[in-house]
C-alpha atoms as a PDB file:
ATOM      1  CA  MET A   1      22.747-120.694 -66.082  1.00  0.00           C
ATOM      2  CA  GLU A   2      24.932-117.672 -64.648  1.00  0.00           C
ATOM      3  CA  PHE A   3      26.812-117.702 -61.426  1.00  0.00           C
ATOM      4  CA  ASP A   4      26.929-114.101 -59.849  1.00  0.00           C
ATOM      5  CA  LEU A   5      28.899-114.029 -56.691  1.00  0.00           C
ATOM      6  CA  HIS A   6      30.099-110.529 -56.891  1.00  0.00           C
ATOM      7  CA  SER A   7      26.524-108.777 -56.573  1.00  0.00           C
ATOM      8  CA  LYS A   8      25.483-111.078 -53.772  1.00  0.00           C
ATOM      9  CA  ILE A   9      28.955-110.199 -51.194  1.00  0.00           C
ATOM     10  CA  LYS A  10      30.136-107.740 -49.217  1.00  0.00           C
ATOM     11  CA  VAL A  11      34.433-107.909 -48.315  1.00  0.00           C
ATOM     12  CA  ALA A  12      35.243-105.741 -45.405  1.00  0.00           C
ATOM     13  CA  SER A  13      39.136-105.546 -44.373  1.00  0.00           C
ATOM     14  CA  VAL A  14      39.245-106.444 -41.163  1.00  0.00           C
ATOM     15  CA  ILE A  15      43.584-106.936 -40.358  1.00  0.00           C
ATOM     16  CA  THR A  16      45.523-105.523 -42.845  1.00  0.00           C
ATOM     17  CA  PRO A  17      48.843-107.431 -43.987  1.00  0.00           C
ATOM     18  CA  THR A  18      51.008-105.026 -42.383  1.00  0.00           C
ATOM     19  CA  ALA A  19      48.329-104.339 -38.975  1.00  0.00           C
ATOM     20  CA  GLY A  20      48.486-108.458 -39.265  1.00  0.00           C
ATOM     21  CA  ALA A  21      52.261-108.288 -38.030  1.00  0.00           C
ATOM     22  CA  ALA A  22      52.125-109.240 -34.322  1.00  0.00           C
ATOM     23  CA  ALA A  23      55.200-109.643 -32.035  1.00  0.00           C
ATOM     24  CA  GLY A  24      53.969-110.860 -28.605  1.00  0.00           C
ATOM     25  CA  ALA A  25      50.756-109.302 -28.416  1.00  0.00           C
ATOM     26  CA  SER A  26      47.273-109.375 -30.282  1.00  0.00           C
ATOM     27  CA  VAL A  27      45.987-107.570 -32.986  1.00  0.00           C
ATOM     28  CA  VAL A  28      42.417-106.121 -32.687  1.00  0.00           C
ATOM     29  CA  GLY A  29      40.172-105.999 -36.009  1.00  0.00           C
ATOM     30  CA  SER A  30      37.864-103.575 -37.422  1.00  0.00           C
ATOM     31  CA  ILE A  31      34.369-104.172 -35.722  1.00  0.00           C
ATOM     32  CA  ILE A  32      32.379-105.141 -38.506  1.00  0.00           C
ATOM     33  CA  ASP A  33      28.504-104.484 -39.026  1.00  0.00           C
ATOM     34  CA  THR A  34      26.233-107.143 -40.399  1.00  0.00           C
ATOM     35  CA  LEU A  35      23.323-105.118 -41.271  1.00  0.00           C
ATOM     36  CA  GLY A  36      21.415-106.217 -44.179  1.00  0.00           C
ATOM     37  CA  PHE A  37      23.536-109.261 -44.554  1.00  0.00           C
ATOM     38  CA  GLU A  38      22.245-112.831 -43.267  1.00  0.00           C
ATOM     39  CA  SER A  39      25.751-114.850 -43.805  1.00  0.00           C
ATOM     40  CA  PHE A  40      29.210-113.658 -42.649  1.00  0.00           C
ATOM     41  CA  GLU A  41      32.486-115.573 -43.021  1.00  0.00           C
ATOM     42  CA  TYR A  42      35.970-114.536 -41.654  1.00  0.00           C
ATOM     43  CA  ALA A  43      38.783-115.282 -44.274  1.00  0.00           C
ATOM     44  CA  ILE A  44      42.485-115.598 -42.105  1.00  0.00           C
ATOM     45  CA  HIS A  45      45.169-115.787 -44.266  1.00  0.00           C
ATOM     46  CA  SER A  46      49.039-116.326 -42.550  1.00  0.00           C
ATOM     47  CA  GLY A  47      52.135-115.135 -44.178  1.00  0.00           C
ATOM     48  CA  THR A  48      55.612-116.200 -42.785  1.00  0.00           C
ATOM     49  CA  ILE A  49      55.277-117.482 -39.186  1.00  0.00           C
ATOM     50  CA  THR A  50      58.627-117.139 -37.376  1.00  0.00           C
ATOM     51  CA  THR A  51      57.696-118.034 -33.923  1.00  0.00           C
ATOM     52  CA  GLY A  52      54.967-118.889 -31.591  1.00  0.00           C
ATOM     53  CA  SER A  53      51.523-119.506 -32.065  1.00  0.00           C
ATOM     54  CA  PHE A  54      48.164-117.882 -32.717  1.00  0.00           C
ATOM     55  CA  SER A  55      44.829-118.306 -32.322  1.00  0.00           C
ATOM     56  CA  VAL A  56      41.113-116.608 -32.453  1.00  0.00           C
ATOM     57  CA  THR A  57      38.848-114.706 -30.600  1.00  0.00           C
ATOM     58  CA  LEU A  58      35.582-114.009 -31.937  1.00  0.00           C
ATOM     59  CA  GLU A  59      33.573-111.556 -30.273  1.00  0.00           C
ATOM     60  CA  GLU A  60      30.186-110.156 -31.098  1.00  0.00           C
ATOM     61  CA  GLY A  61      27.265-107.126 -29.728  1.00  0.00           C
ATOM     62  CA  ASN A  62      24.293-104.880 -30.471  1.00  0.00           C
ATOM     63  CA  VAL A  63      26.461-101.994 -29.962  1.00  0.00           C
ATOM     64  CA  SER A  64      28.399-100.362 -32.553  1.00  0.00           C
ATOM     65  CA  ASN A  65      31.322-100.050 -30.274  1.00  0.00           C
ATOM     66  CA  LEU A  66      31.018-103.491 -29.132  1.00  0.00           C
ATOM     67  CA  SER A  67      31.212-101.931 -25.492  1.00  0.00           C
ATOM     68  CA  ASP A  68      28.514-104.734 -24.886  1.00  0.00           C
ATOM     69  CA  ALA A  69      30.801-107.678 -26.301  1.00  0.00           C
ATOM     70  CA  THR A  70      30.714-111.092 -25.428  1.00  0.00           C
ATOM     71  CA  ALA A  71      32.542-114.449 -26.979  1.00  0.00           C
ATOM     72  CA  VAL A  72      30.684-116.080 -29.942  1.00  0.00           C
ATOM     73  CA  PRO A  73      29.346-119.050 -28.786  1.00  0.00           C
ATOM     74  CA  ALA A  74      30.591-122.441 -29.869  1.00  0.00           C
ATOM     75  CA  ALA A  75      27.420-123.313 -31.050  1.00  0.00           C
ATOM     76  CA  ASN A  76      27.287-120.144 -33.377  1.00  0.00           C
ATOM     77  CA  LEU A  77      30.545-120.886 -35.451  1.00  0.00           C
ATOM     78  CA  LEU A  78      30.239-122.901 -38.734  1.00  0.00           C
ATOM     79  CA  GLY A  79      34.247-124.785 -38.448  1.00  0.00           C
ATOM     80  CA  ALA A  80      36.420-124.568 -35.647  1.00  0.00           C
ATOM     81  CA  SER A  81      37.989-121.393 -34.647  1.00  0.00           C
ATOM     82  CA  PRO A  82      41.331-121.557 -36.615  1.00  0.00           C
ATOM     83  CA  THR A  83      44.850-121.561 -35.208  1.00  0.00           C
ATOM     84  CA  PHE A  84      48.316-121.480 -36.435  1.00  0.00           C
ATOM     85  CA  VAL A  85      51.982-122.332 -35.621  1.00  0.00           C
ATOM     86  CA  VAL A  86      55.173-121.983 -37.134  1.00  0.00           C
ATOM     87  CA  THR A  87      54.389-124.307 -39.890  1.00  0.00           C
ATOM     88  CA  ASP A  88      51.406-122.860 -41.050  1.00  0.00           C
ATOM     89  CA  ASP A  89      53.022-120.132 -43.315  1.00  0.00           C
ATOM     90  CA  ASN A  90      51.072-119.399 -46.198  1.00  0.00           C
ATOM     91  CA  GLN A  91      47.720-120.786 -45.292  1.00  0.00           C
ATOM     92  CA  VAL A  92      43.961-119.620 -45.774  1.00  0.00           C
ATOM     93  CA  ARG A  93      41.750-121.060 -42.900  1.00  0.00           C
ATOM     94  CA  ARG A  94      37.916-119.781 -42.309  1.00  0.00           C
ATOM     95  CA  VAL A  95      35.315-119.428 -39.670  1.00  0.00           C
ATOM     96  CA  GLY A  96      31.498-118.775 -40.472  1.00  0.00           C
ATOM     97  CA  ILE A  97      29.581-117.161 -37.631  1.00  0.00           C
ATOM     98  CA  ILE A  98      25.750-117.702 -37.307  1.00  0.00           C
ATOM     99  CA  GLY A  99      25.353-113.876 -36.612  1.00  0.00           C
ATOM    100  CA  LYS A 100      23.015-113.782 -33.295  1.00  0.00           C
ATOM    101  CA  LYS A 101      24.160-109.844 -32.793  1.00  0.00           C
ATOM    102  CA  ARG A 102      24.676-107.311 -35.248  1.00  0.00           C
ATOM    103  CA  TYR A 103      28.399-106.365 -34.635  1.00  0.00           C
ATOM    104  CA  GLN A 104      31.053-108.902 -34.865  1.00  0.00           C
ATOM    105  CA  ARG A 105      35.022-108.720 -34.276  1.00  0.00           C
ATOM    106  CA  LEU A 106      38.073-110.723 -34.600  1.00  0.00           C
ATOM    107  CA  THR A 107      41.325-110.727 -32.101  1.00  0.00           C
ATOM    108  CA  LEU A 108      44.555-112.530 -33.344  1.00  0.00           C
ATOM    109  CA  VAL A 109      45.792-113.201 -30.285  1.00  0.00           C
ATOM    110  CA  GLY A 110      49.846-114.492 -30.248  1.00  0.00           C
ATOM    111  CA  ALA A 111      51.336-116.776 -27.978  1.00  0.00           C
ATOM    112  CA  SER A 112      54.921-118.342 -26.883  1.00  0.00           C
ATOM    113  CA  THR A 113      57.060-114.694 -28.277  1.00  0.00           C
ATOM    114  CA  PRO A 114      54.609-114.810 -31.615  1.00  0.00           C
ATOM    115  CA  VAL A 115      55.930-113.098 -34.894  1.00  0.00           C
ATOM    116  CA  GLY A 116      54.078-113.294 -37.934  1.00  0.00           C
ATOM    117  CA  ALA A 117      52.248-111.908 -40.784  1.00  0.00           C
ATOM    118  CA  PHE A 118      48.547-111.766 -41.066  1.00  0.00           C
ATOM    119  CA  ALA A 119      45.915-110.325 -42.922  1.00  0.00           C
ATOM    120  CA  VAL A 120      41.916-111.032 -42.744  1.00  0.00           C
ATOM    121  CA  VAL A 121      38.753-110.222 -44.478  1.00  0.00           C
ATOM    122  CA  ALA A 122      35.124-110.804 -43.881  1.00  0.00           C
ATOM    123  CA  VAL A 123      32.832-111.471 -46.267  1.00  0.00           C
ATOM    124  CA  LEU A 124      29.272-110.924 -45.861  1.00  0.00           C
ATOM    125  CA  GLY A 125      26.632-112.469 -48.085  1.00  0.00           C
ATOM    126  CA  ASN A 126      22.971-113.700 -48.548  1.00  0.00           C
ATOM    127  CA  PRO A 127      21.949-109.702 -48.854  1.00  0.00           C
ATOM    128  CA  VAL A 128      18.467-108.426 -48.346  1.00  0.00           C
ATOM    129  CA  VAL A 129      18.852-106.001 -50.697  1.00  0.00           C
ATOM    130  CA  LEU A 130      20.452-107.148 -54.402  1.00  0.00           C
ATOM    131  CA  PRO A 131      22.582-106.389 -55.540  1.00  0.00           C
ATOM    132  CA  VAL A 132      25.259-105.256 -53.798  1.00  0.00           C
ATOM    133  CA  PRO A 133      26.537-102.006 -54.136  1.00  0.00           C
ATOM    134  CA  ALA A 134      30.193-100.924 -55.550  1.00  0.00           C
ATOM    135  CA  GLN A 135      32.261-100.703 -52.517  1.00  0.00           C
ATOM    136  CA  ALA A 136      35.696 -99.352 -51.958  1.00  0.00           C
ATOM    137  CA  THR A 137      38.636-101.619 -51.124  1.00  0.00           C
ATOM    138  CA  THR A 138      38.408-101.130 -47.062  1.00  0.00           C
ATOM    139  CA  SER A 139      35.788-101.476 -44.459  1.00  0.00           C
END
């Protein structure tokens, strides 16, 4: 049997490693359009976390600029919304969303004078049309 994940997913950049460095502020990720896909997952990779802690806020909406954004209900999460503290260097955590709305956004929220580096990607799966076309490495 052949296993082919490559032509069945799309990966989009949400927070780049350089933009993921937060010093006392939130980092708002890119808005992801889920049109054409039936499953959605965020992968959050921490680098070095020097101080503070970080949590994740997840929003969804049906308007492309998310002017109608609402929090993703806990009942629509697959796994817990990730958190990171200073002992969580170089870890990858993930959270899936049972998407009820077309557009999704993740915000990395720092607390207690946070300083840390992060990268976040969105993985879109179960495409309605196969194979997923070749893509650039950006969102």
